[in-house]
C-alpha atoms as a PDB file:
ATOM      1  CA  MET A   1     -15.068  13.753  -8.284  1.00  0.00           C
ATOM      2  CA  THR A   2     -14.251  13.881 -11.984  1.00  0.00           C
ATOM      3  CA  VAL A   3     -10.869  14.901 -13.365  1.00  0.00           C
ATOM      4  CA  LEU A   4     -10.012  16.251 -16.796  1.00  0.00           C
ATOM      5  CA  ALA A   5      -6.593  15.786 -18.329  1.00  0.00           C
ATOM      6  CA  VAL A   6      -6.213  18.905 -20.472  1.00  0.00           C
ATOM      7  CA  PHE A   7      -4.019  18.927 -23.568  1.00  0.00           C
ATOM      8  CA  ARG A   8      -3.155  21.542 -26.191  1.00  0.00           C
ATOM      9  CA  SER A   9      -3.100  18.858 -28.903  1.00  0.00           C
ATOM     10  CA  ARG A  10      -6.124  16.939 -30.120  1.00  0.00           C
ATOM     11  CA  ALA A  11      -3.914  14.088 -31.367  1.00  0.00           C
ATOM     12  CA  GLN A  12      -2.191  13.700 -27.995  1.00  0.00           C
ATOM     13  CA  THR A  13      -5.538  13.776 -26.190  1.00  0.00           C
ATOM     14  CA  LEU A  14      -6.794  10.931 -28.355  1.00  0.00           C
ATOM     15  CA  ASP A  15      -3.531   9.023 -27.910  1.00  0.00           C
ATOM     16  CA  PHE A  16      -3.783   9.382 -24.132  1.00  0.00           C
ATOM     17  CA  LEU A  17      -7.387   8.144 -24.221  1.00  0.00           C
ATOM     18  CA  GLY A  18      -6.266   4.987 -26.021  1.00  0.00           C
ATOM     19  CA  VAL A  19      -3.390   4.405 -23.607  1.00  0.00           C
ATOM     20  CA  ALA A  20      -5.633   5.068 -20.591  1.00  0.00           C
ATOM     21  CA  LYS A  21      -8.320   2.658 -21.762  1.00  0.00           C
ATOM     22  CA  ALA A  22      -5.698  -0.012 -22.453  1.00  0.00           C
ATOM     23  CA  ALA A  23      -4.461   0.472 -18.870  1.00  0.00           C
ATOM     24  CA  GLY A  24      -7.953  -0.059 -17.469  1.00  0.00           C
ATOM     25  CA  ILE A  25      -8.884   3.581 -16.906  1.00  0.00           C
ATOM     26  CA  PRO A  26     -12.458   4.204 -18.051  1.00  0.00           C
ATOM     27  CA  ALA A  27     -11.849   7.536 -19.769  1.00  0.00           C
ATOM     28  CA  GLN A  28     -13.786   9.436 -22.375  1.00  0.00           C
ATOM     29  CA  ALA A  29     -13.338  12.466 -24.591  1.00  0.00           C
ATOM     30  CA  VAL A  30     -15.217  15.589 -23.518  1.00  0.00           C
ATOM     31  CA  SER A  31     -15.230  19.257 -24.490  1.00  0.00           C
ATOM     32  CA  THR A  32     -12.594  21.262 -22.655  1.00  0.00           C
ATOM     33  CA  PRO A  33     -14.296  23.910 -20.506  1.00  0.00           C
ATOM     34  CA  LYS A  34     -13.336  27.527 -21.078  1.00  0.00           C
ATOM     35  CA  GLU A  35     -12.155  27.701 -17.443  1.00  0.00           C
ATOM     36  CA  ALA A  36      -9.150  25.592 -18.454  1.00  0.00           C
ATOM     37  CA  GLY A  37      -7.862  28.531 -20.477  1.00  0.00           C
ATOM     38  CA  VAL A  38      -6.044  26.257 -22.940  1.00  0.00           C
ATOM     39  CA  GLY A  39      -6.691  23.292 -25.055  1.00  0.00           C
ATOM     40  CA  CYS A  40      -7.631  21.915 -28.370  1.00  0.00           C
ATOM     41  CA  GLY A  41     -11.285  21.610 -27.534  1.00  0.00           C
ATOM     42  CA  ILE A  42     -11.246  18.091 -26.098  1.00  0.00           C
ATOM     43  CA  SER A  43      -9.938  16.662 -22.842  1.00  0.00           C
ATOM     44  CA  ALA A  44      -9.790  13.217 -21.282  1.00  0.00           C
ATOM     45  CA  LYS A  45     -12.360  12.736 -18.514  1.00  0.00           C
ATOM     46  CA  PHE A  46     -12.029  10.067 -15.809  1.00  0.00           C
ATOM     47  CA  ASP A  47     -12.868   9.422 -12.178  1.00  0.00           C
ATOM     48  CA  GLU A  48     -10.522  10.831  -9.529  1.00  0.00           C
ATOM     49  CA  ARG A  49      -9.734   7.357  -8.177  1.00  0.00           C
ATOM     50  CA  PHE A  50      -7.707   6.722 -11.361  1.00  0.00           C
ATOM     51  CA  LEU A  51      -5.627   9.910 -11.017  1.00  0.00           C
ATOM     52  CA  GLY A  52      -2.507   8.133  -9.740  1.00  0.00           C
ATOM     53  CA  ARG A  53      -2.538   5.671 -12.622  1.00  0.00           C
ATOM     54  CA  ALA A  54      -3.171   8.496 -15.117  1.00  0.00           C
ATOM     55  CA  LYS A  55      -0.181  10.437 -13.749  1.00  0.00           C
ATOM     56  CA  LEU A  56       2.061   7.415 -14.255  1.00  0.00           C
ATOM     57  CA  LEU A  57       0.911   7.032 -17.858  1.00  0.00           C
ATOM     58  CA  LEU A  58       1.442  10.721 -18.546  1.00  0.00           C
ATOM     59  CA  ALA A  59       4.963  10.549 -17.126  1.00  0.00           C
ATOM     60  CA  LYS A  60       5.816   7.508 -19.247  1.00  0.00           C
ATOM     61  CA  LYS A  61       4.527   9.042 -22.472  1.00  0.00           C
ATOM     62  CA  ASN A  62       5.852  12.544 -21.737  1.00  0.00           C
ATOM     63  CA  TYR A  63       3.181  14.354 -23.748  1.00  0.00           C
ATOM     64  CA  SER A  64       4.501  17.752 -24.798  1.00  0.00           C
ATOM     65  CA  SER A  65       1.003  19.258 -25.006  1.00  0.00           C
ATOM     66  CA  PHE A  66      -0.242  18.129 -21.585  1.00  0.00           C
ATOM     67  CA  SER A  67      -1.407  21.242 -19.774  1.00  0.00           C
ATOM     68  CA  GLY A  68      -2.559  19.842 -16.436  1.00  0.00           C
ATOM     69  CA  PHE A  69      -5.519  18.469 -14.536  1.00  0.00           C
ATOM     70  CA  LEU A  70      -8.821  20.173 -13.876  1.00  0.00           C
ATOM     71  CA  ASN A  71     -11.240  18.980 -11.187  1.00  0.00           C
ATOM     72  CA  VAL A  72     -14.885  19.180 -12.216  1.00  0.00           C
ATOM     73  CA  ARG A  73     -18.075  18.321 -10.423  1.00  0.00           C
END
């Protein structure tokens, strides 16, 4: 399954993508679906098997605009 990390800030989304890639998480920028109900228009997309590592990175960086995760098929 695919997971989206949804942010309210475009800059923080792009920062997270850089941090995630540096940590070995193959992530990419995608349009945030309307179902998320928030966002700047882009989210970070990655495979569910990297969710634990992504959570650790998010906790370390403490992004103020992080809105949550969205599972997509």
